[in-house]
Amino acid sequence: MGNRTWQMIPSSRGVSALYLVAGVLLAISSAYQLTDEMAVLPLLSGLAAVALVITAIVGLVRPGSRTPTH
């Protein structure tokens, strides 16, 4: 079995931009749900949105961190 590394950074700039759009939409949806009442699921969704946005920004800003395509 070969060495497999697990990387979260997308392999292309387009996928990073898609991650960024998805993260922003998810964050907006979570924030809207949290205005109604404090619940665990929207809070976890908001945290996932922040992680997705950070991953997308790293993929857009640092091209060397992207996974190479084979």
PDB file of N, CA and C in Angstrom:
ATOM      1  N   MET A   1       0.849  -1.175   0.000  1.00  0.00           N
ATOM      2  CA  MET A   1       0.000   0.000   0.000  1.00  0.00           C
ATOM      3  C   MET A   1       0.896   1.241   0.000  1.00  0.00           C
ATOM      4  N   GLY A   2       0.571   2.199  -0.805  1.00  0.00           N
ATOM      5  CA  GLY A   2       1.372   3.408  -0.919  1.00  0.00           C
ATOM      6  C   GLY A   2       1.086   4.400   0.195  1.00  0.00           C
ATOM      7  N   ASN A   3       1.919   5.394   0.256  1.00  0.00           N
ATOM      8  CA  ASN A   3       1.721   6.473   1.225  1.00  0.00           C
ATOM      9  C   ASN A   3       0.607   7.375   0.733  1.00  0.00           C
ATOM     10  N   ARG A   4      -0.403   7.538   1.534  1.00  0.00           N
ATOM     11  CA  ARG A   4      -1.506   8.433   1.192  1.00  0.00           C
ATOM     12  C   ARG A   4      -1.552   9.549   2.213  1.00  0.00           C
ATOM     13  N   THR A   5      -1.567  10.766   1.728  1.00  0.00           N
ATOM     14  CA  THR A   5      -1.702  11.904   2.627  1.00  0.00           C
ATOM     15  C   THR A   5      -3.111  12.454   2.500  1.00  0.00           C
ATOM     16  N   TRP A   6      -3.632  12.897   3.601  1.00  0.00           N
ATOM     17  CA  TRP A   6      -4.978  13.453   3.634  1.00  0.00           C
ATOM     18  C   TRP A   6      -4.864  14.960   3.624  1.00  0.00           C
ATOM     19  N   GLN A   7      -5.352  15.604   2.575  1.00  0.00           N
ATOM     20  CA  GLN A   7      -5.277  17.053   2.470  1.00  0.00           C
ATOM     21  C   GLN A   7      -6.657  17.621   2.216  1.00  0.00           C
ATOM     22  N   MET A   8      -6.934  18.746   2.835  1.00  0.00           N
ATOM     23  CA  MET A   8      -8.240  19.382   2.690  1.00  0.00           C
ATOM     24  C   MET A   8      -8.247  20.474   1.634  1.00  0.00           C
ATOM     25  N   ILE A   9      -7.092  20.992   1.274  1.00  0.00           N
ATOM     26  CA  ILE A   9      -7.041  22.103   0.335  1.00  0.00           C
ATOM     27  C   ILE A   9      -7.430  21.599  -1.056  1.00  0.00           C
ATOM     28  N   PRO A  10      -8.374  22.265  -1.722  1.00  0.00           N
ATOM     29  CA  PRO A  10      -8.809  21.826  -3.050  1.00  0.00           C
ATOM     30  C   PRO A  10      -7.669  21.855  -4.066  1.00  0.00           C
ATOM     31  N   SER A  11      -7.846  21.102  -5.145  1.00  0.00           N
ATOM     32  CA  SER A  11      -6.774  20.957  -6.132  1.00  0.00           C
ATOM     33  C   SER A  11      -6.727  22.078  -7.159  1.00  0.00           C
ATOM     34  N   SER A  12      -7.755  22.901  -7.261  1.00  0.00           N
ATOM     35  CA  SER A  12      -7.738  23.970  -8.257  1.00  0.00           C
ATOM     36  C   SER A  12      -8.352  25.248  -7.690  1.00  0.00           C
ATOM     37  N   ARG A  13      -8.091  26.328  -8.396  1.00  0.00           N
ATOM     38  CA  ARG A  13      -8.618  27.624  -7.985  1.00  0.00           C
ATOM     39  C   ARG A  13     -10.148  27.654  -8.096  1.00  0.00           C
ATOM     40  N   GLY A  14     -10.697  26.999  -9.112  1.00  0.00           N
ATOM     41  CA  GLY A  14     -12.148  26.969  -9.295  1.00  0.00           C
ATOM     42  C   GLY A  14     -12.857  26.242  -8.167  1.00  0.00           C
ATOM     43  N   VAL A  15     -12.290  25.130  -7.730  1.00  0.00           N
ATOM     44  CA  VAL A  15     -12.894  24.384  -6.624  1.00  0.00           C
ATOM     45  C   VAL A  15     -12.788  25.203  -5.338  1.00  0.00           C
ATOM     46  N   SER A  16     -11.679  25.921  -5.164  1.00  0.00           N
ATOM     47  CA  SER A  16     -11.535  26.787  -3.991  1.00  0.00           C
ATOM     48  C   SER A  16     -12.602  27.878  -3.993  1.00  0.00           C
ATOM     49  N   ALA A  17     -12.868  28.450  -5.163  1.00  0.00           N
ATOM     50  CA  ALA A  17     -13.908  29.481  -5.263  1.00  0.00           C
ATOM     51  C   ALA A  17     -15.280  28.884  -4.966  1.00  0.00           C
ATOM     52  N   LEU A  18     -15.517  27.665  -5.428  1.00  0.00           N
ATOM     53  CA  LEU A  18     -16.781  26.982  -5.135  1.00  0.00           C
ATOM     54  C   LEU A  18     -16.927  26.731  -3.635  1.00  0.00           C
ATOM     55  N   TYR A  19     -15.846  26.303  -2.978  1.00  0.00           N
ATOM     56  CA  TYR A  19     -15.854  26.128  -1.524  1.00  0.00           C
ATOM     57  C   TYR A  19     -16.172  27.446  -0.824  1.00  0.00           C
ATOM     58  N   LEU A  20     -15.609  28.526  -1.314  1.00  0.00           N
ATOM     59  CA  LEU A  20     -15.828  29.831  -0.696  1.00  0.00           C
ATOM     60  C   LEU A  20     -17.304  30.234  -0.799  1.00  0.00           C
ATOM     61  N   VAL A  21     -17.895  30.059  -1.964  1.00  0.00           N
ATOM     62  CA  VAL A  21     -19.310  30.406  -2.148  1.00  0.00           C
ATOM     63  C   VAL A  21     -20.188  29.529  -1.258  1.00  0.00           C
ATOM     64  N   ALA A  22     -19.908  28.228  -1.225  1.00  0.00           N
ATOM     65  CA  ALA A  22     -20.693  27.319  -0.387  1.00  0.00           C
ATOM     66  C   ALA A  22     -20.555  27.672   1.090  1.00  0.00           C
ATOM     67  N   GLY A  23     -19.354  28.016   1.523  1.00  0.00           N
ATOM     68  CA  GLY A  23     -19.136  28.377   2.920  1.00  0.00           C
ATOM     69  C   GLY A  23     -19.862  29.646   3.314  1.00  0.00           C
ATOM     70  N   VAL A  24     -19.848  30.632   2.424  1.00  0.00           N
ATOM     71  CA  VAL A  24     -20.533  31.892   2.720  1.00  0.00           C
ATOM     72  C   VAL A  24     -22.047  31.669   2.782  1.00  0.00           C
ATOM     73  N   LEU A  25     -22.580  30.901   1.837  1.00  0.00           N
ATOM     74  CA  LEU A  25     -24.019  30.614   1.873  1.00  0.00           C
ATOM     75  C   LEU A  25     -24.413  29.839   3.124  1.00  0.00           C
ATOM     76  N   LEU A  26     -23.591  28.887   3.508  1.00  0.00           N
ATOM     77  CA  LEU A  26     -23.855  28.113   4.713  1.00  0.00           C
ATOM     78  C   LEU A  26     -23.782  28.994   5.961  1.00  0.00           C
ATOM     79  N   ALA A  27     -22.825  29.919   5.990  1.00  0.00           N
ATOM     80  CA  ALA A  27     -22.699  30.826   7.135  1.00  0.00           C
ATOM     81  C   ALA A  27     -23.903  31.759   7.239  1.00  0.00           C
ATOM     82  N   ILE A  28     -24.372  32.260   6.098  1.00  0.00           N
ATOM     83  CA  ILE A  28     -25.538  33.148   6.105  1.00  0.00           C
ATOM     84  C   ILE A  28     -26.772  32.386   6.588  1.00  0.00           C
ATOM     85  N   SER A  29     -26.941  31.172   6.100  1.00  0.00           N
ATOM     86  CA  SER A  29     -28.078  30.360   6.521  1.00  0.00           C
ATOM     87  C   SER A  29     -28.022  30.065   8.020  1.00  0.00           C
ATOM     88  N   SER A  30     -26.855  29.738   8.521  1.00  0.00           N
ATOM     89  CA  SER A  30     -26.700  29.440   9.952  1.00  0.00           C
ATOM     90  C   SER A  30     -26.974  30.673  10.802  1.00  0.00           C
ATOM     91  N   ALA A  31     -26.455  31.818  10.368  1.00  0.00           N
ATOM     92  CA  ALA A  31     -26.674  33.051  11.125  1.00  0.00           C
ATOM     93  C   ALA A  31     -28.161  33.406  11.157  1.00  0.00           C
ATOM     94  N   TYR A  32     -28.849  33.184  10.047  1.00  0.00           N
ATOM     95  CA  TYR A  32     -30.284  33.465   9.996  1.00  0.00           C
ATOM     96  C   TYR A  32     -31.045  32.555  10.957  1.00  0.00           C
ATOM     97  N   GLN A  33     -30.660  31.286  11.011  1.00  0.00           N
ATOM     98  CA  GLN A  33     -31.324  30.347  11.919  1.00  0.00           C
ATOM     99  C   GLN A  33     -31.022  30.669  13.379  1.00  0.00           C
ATOM    100  N   LEU A  34     -29.831  31.170  13.654  1.00  0.00           N
ATOM    101  CA  LEU A  34     -29.466  31.486  15.036  1.00  0.00           C
ATOM    102  C   LEU A  34     -30.173  32.735  15.548  1.00  0.00           C
ATOM    103  N   THR A  35     -30.697  33.573  14.655  1.00  0.00           N
ATOM    104  CA  THR A  35     -31.422  34.749  15.130  1.00  0.00           C
ATOM    105  C   THR A  35     -32.761  34.362  15.753  1.00  0.00           C
ATOM    106  N   ASP A  36     -33.319  33.242  15.298  1.00  0.00           N
ATOM    107  CA  ASP A  36     -34.605  32.799  15.852  1.00  0.00           C
ATOM    108  C   ASP A  36     -34.438  32.243  17.258  1.00  0.00           C
ATOM    109  N   GLU A  37     -33.547  31.303  17.419  1.00  0.00           N
ATOM    110  CA  GLU A  37     -33.303  30.702  18.730  1.00  0.00           C
ATOM    111  C   GLU A  37     -31.915  30.064  18.739  1.00  0.00           C
ATOM    112  N   MET A  38     -31.359  29.892  19.900  1.00  0.00           N
ATOM    113  CA  MET A  38     -30.044  29.276  20.027  1.00  0.00           C
ATOM    114  C   MET A  38     -30.213  27.762  19.987  1.00  0.00           C
ATOM    115  N   ALA A  39     -29.663  27.135  18.974  1.00  0.00           N
ATOM    116  CA  ALA A  39     -29.763  25.686  18.819  1.00  0.00           C
ATOM    117  C   ALA A  39     -28.381  25.134  18.471  1.00  0.00           C
ATOM    118  N   VAL A  40     -28.189  23.876  18.713  1.00  0.00           N
ATOM    119  CA  VAL A  40     -26.881  23.262  18.519  1.00  0.00           C
ATOM    120  C   VAL A  40     -26.564  23.064  17.039  1.00  0.00           C
ATOM    121  N   LEU A  41     -27.521  22.602  16.264  1.00  0.00           N
ATOM    122  CA  LEU A  41     -27.264  22.286  14.861  1.00  0.00           C
ATOM    123  C   LEU A  41     -26.867  23.514  14.029  1.00  0.00           C
ATOM    124  N   PRO A  42     -27.580  24.644  14.131  1.00  0.00           N
ATOM    125  CA  PRO A  42     -27.119  25.822  13.391  1.00  0.00           C
ATOM    126  C   PRO A  42     -25.750  26.316  13.859  1.00  0.00           C
ATOM    127  N   LEU A  43     -25.457  26.136  15.139  1.00  0.00           N
ATOM    128  CA  LEU A  43     -24.146  26.531  15.647  1.00  0.00           C
ATOM    129  C   LEU A  43     -23.051  25.664  15.040  1.00  0.00           C
ATOM    130  N   LEU A  44     -23.271  24.359  14.980  1.00  0.00           N
ATOM    131  CA  LEU A  44     -22.298  23.462  14.352  1.00  0.00           C
ATOM    132  C   LEU A  44     -22.182  23.744  12.858  1.00  0.00           C
ATOM    133  N   SER A  45     -23.289  24.052  12.232  1.00  0.00           N
ATOM    134  CA  SER A  45     -23.280  24.393  10.815  1.00  0.00           C
ATOM    135  C   SER A  45     -22.485  25.672  10.571  1.00  0.00           C
ATOM    136  N   GLY A  46     -22.623  26.625  11.456  1.00  0.00           N
ATOM    137  CA  GLY A  46     -21.855  27.867  11.349  1.00  0.00           C
ATOM    138  C   GLY A  46     -20.364  27.624  11.503  1.00  0.00           C
ATOM    139  N   LEU A  47     -19.990  26.753  12.433  1.00  0.00           N
ATOM    140  CA  LEU A  47     -18.577  26.425  12.607  1.00  0.00           C
ATOM    141  C   LEU A  47     -18.016  25.700  11.380  1.00  0.00           C
ATOM    142  N   ALA A  48     -18.825  24.824  10.790  1.00  0.00           N
ATOM    143  CA  ALA A  48     -18.406  24.142   9.564  1.00  0.00           C
ATOM    144  C   ALA A  48     -18.254  25.140   8.421  1.00  0.00           C
ATOM    145  N   ALA A  49     -19.128  26.132   8.373  1.00  0.00           N
ATOM    146  CA  ALA A  49     -19.036  27.160   7.337  1.00  0.00           C
ATOM    147  C   ALA A  49     -17.752  27.959   7.472  1.00  0.00           C
ATOM    148  N   VAL A  50     -17.392  28.296   8.691  1.00  0.00           N
ATOM    149  CA  VAL A  50     -16.147  29.036   8.922  1.00  0.00           C
ATOM    150  C   VAL A  50     -14.940  28.203   8.497  1.00  0.00           C
ATOM    151  N   ALA A  51     -14.942  26.924   8.822  1.00  0.00           N
ATOM    152  CA  ALA A  51     -13.842  26.042   8.416  1.00  0.00           C
ATOM    153  C   ALA A  51     -13.761  25.927   6.895  1.00  0.00           C
ATOM    154  N   LEU A  52     -14.911  25.859   6.231  1.00  0.00           N
ATOM    155  CA  LEU A  52     -14.934  25.766   4.773  1.00  0.00           C
ATOM    156  C   LEU A  52     -14.422  27.048   4.127  1.00  0.00           C
ATOM    157  N   VAL A  53     -14.786  28.195   4.667  1.00  0.00           N
ATOM    158  CA  VAL A  53     -14.310  29.474   4.140  1.00  0.00           C
ATOM    159  C   VAL A  53     -12.798  29.592   4.325  1.00  0.00           C
ATOM    160  N   ILE A  54     -12.296  29.201   5.477  1.00  0.00           N
ATOM    161  CA  ILE A  54     -10.852  29.256   5.721  1.00  0.00           C
ATOM    162  C   ILE A  54     -10.109  28.339   4.755  1.00  0.00           C
ATOM    163  N   THR A  55     -10.627  27.135   4.535  1.00  0.00           N
ATOM    164  CA  THR A  55     -10.020  26.206   3.586  1.00  0.00           C
ATOM    165  C   THR A  55     -10.001  26.804   2.186  1.00  0.00           C
ATOM    166  N   ALA A  56     -11.084  27.438   1.785  1.00  0.00           N
ATOM    167  CA  ALA A  56     -11.162  28.047   0.460  1.00  0.00           C
ATOM    168  C   ALA A  56     -10.183  29.203   0.320  1.00  0.00           C
ATOM    169  N   ILE A  57     -10.077  30.018   1.346  1.00  0.00           N
ATOM    170  CA  ILE A  57      -9.157  31.154   1.292  1.00  0.00           C
ATOM    171  C   ILE A  57      -7.713  30.676   1.191  1.00  0.00           C
ATOM    172  N   VAL A  58      -7.363  29.649   1.942  1.00  0.00           N
ATOM    173  CA  VAL A  58      -6.005  29.101   1.853  1.00  0.00           C
ATOM    174  C   VAL A  58      -5.744  28.574   0.446  1.00  0.00           C
ATOM    175  N   GLY A  59      -6.723  27.902  -0.148  1.00  0.00           N
ATOM    176  CA  GLY A  59      -6.570  27.386  -1.503  1.00  0.00           C
ATOM    177  C   GLY A  59      -6.432  28.479  -2.540  1.00  0.00           C
ATOM    178  N   LEU A  60      -7.078  29.619  -2.311  1.00  0.00           N
ATOM    179  CA  LEU A  60      -6.988  30.729  -3.255  1.00  0.00           C
ATOM    180  C   LEU A  60      -5.722  31.549  -3.078  1.00  0.00           C
ATOM    181  N   VAL A  61      -5.299  31.740  -1.846  1.00  0.00           N
ATOM    182  CA  VAL A  61      -4.163  32.618  -1.565  1.00  0.00           C
ATOM    183  C   VAL A  61      -2.823  31.904  -1.725  1.00  0.00           C
ATOM    184  N   ARG A  62      -2.760  30.628  -1.351  1.00  0.00           N
ATOM    185  CA  ARG A  62      -1.497  29.878  -1.394  1.00  0.00           C
ATOM    186  C   ARG A  62      -1.597  28.733  -2.399  1.00  0.00           C
ATOM    187  N   PRO A  63      -1.309  28.991  -3.663  1.00  0.00           N
ATOM    188  CA  PRO A  63      -1.421  27.941  -4.679  1.00  0.00           C
ATOM    189  C   PRO A  63      -0.524  26.731  -4.414  1.00  0.00           C
ATOM    190  N   GLY A  64       0.583  26.904  -3.736  1.00  0.00           N
ATOM    191  CA  GLY A  64       1.482  25.796  -3.443  1.00  0.00           C
ATOM    192  C   GLY A  64       0.905  24.795  -2.457  1.00  0.00           C
ATOM    193  N   SER A  65      -0.134  25.188  -1.738  1.00  0.00           N
ATOM    194  CA  SER A  65      -0.729  24.299  -0.748  1.00  0.00           C
ATOM    195  C   SER A  65      -1.792  23.389  -1.351  1.00  0.00           C
ATOM    196  N   ARG A  66      -2.159  23.614  -2.604  1.00  0.00           N
ATOM    197  CA  ARG A  66      -3.171  22.790  -3.247  1.00  0.00           C
ATOM    198  C   ARG A  66      -2.641  21.394  -3.521  1.00  0.00           C
ATOM    199  N   THR A  67      -3.513  20.420  -3.479  1.00  0.00           N
ATOM    200  CA  THR A  67      -3.114  19.044  -3.776  1.00  0.00           C
ATOM    201  C   THR A  67      -2.853  18.918  -5.265  1.00  0.00           C
ATOM    202  N   PRO A  68      -1.770  18.252  -5.637  1.00  0.00           N
ATOM    203  CA  PRO A  68      -1.493  18.089  -7.054  1.00  0.00           C
ATOM    204  C   PRO A  68      -2.483  17.122  -7.699  1.00  0.00           C
ATOM    205  N   THR A  69      -2.871  17.428  -8.922  1.00  0.00           N
ATOM    206  CA  THR A  69      -3.761  16.529  -9.648  1.00  0.00           C
ATOM    207  C   THR A  69      -2.929  15.490 -10.365  1.00  0.00           C
ATOM    208  N   HIS A  70      -3.424  14.267 -10.408  1.00  0.00           N
ATOM    209  CA  HIS A  70      -2.662  13.173 -11.029  1.00  0.00           C
ATOM    210  C   HIS A  70      -3.222  12.842 -12.372  1.00  0.00           C
TER     211      HIS A  70
END
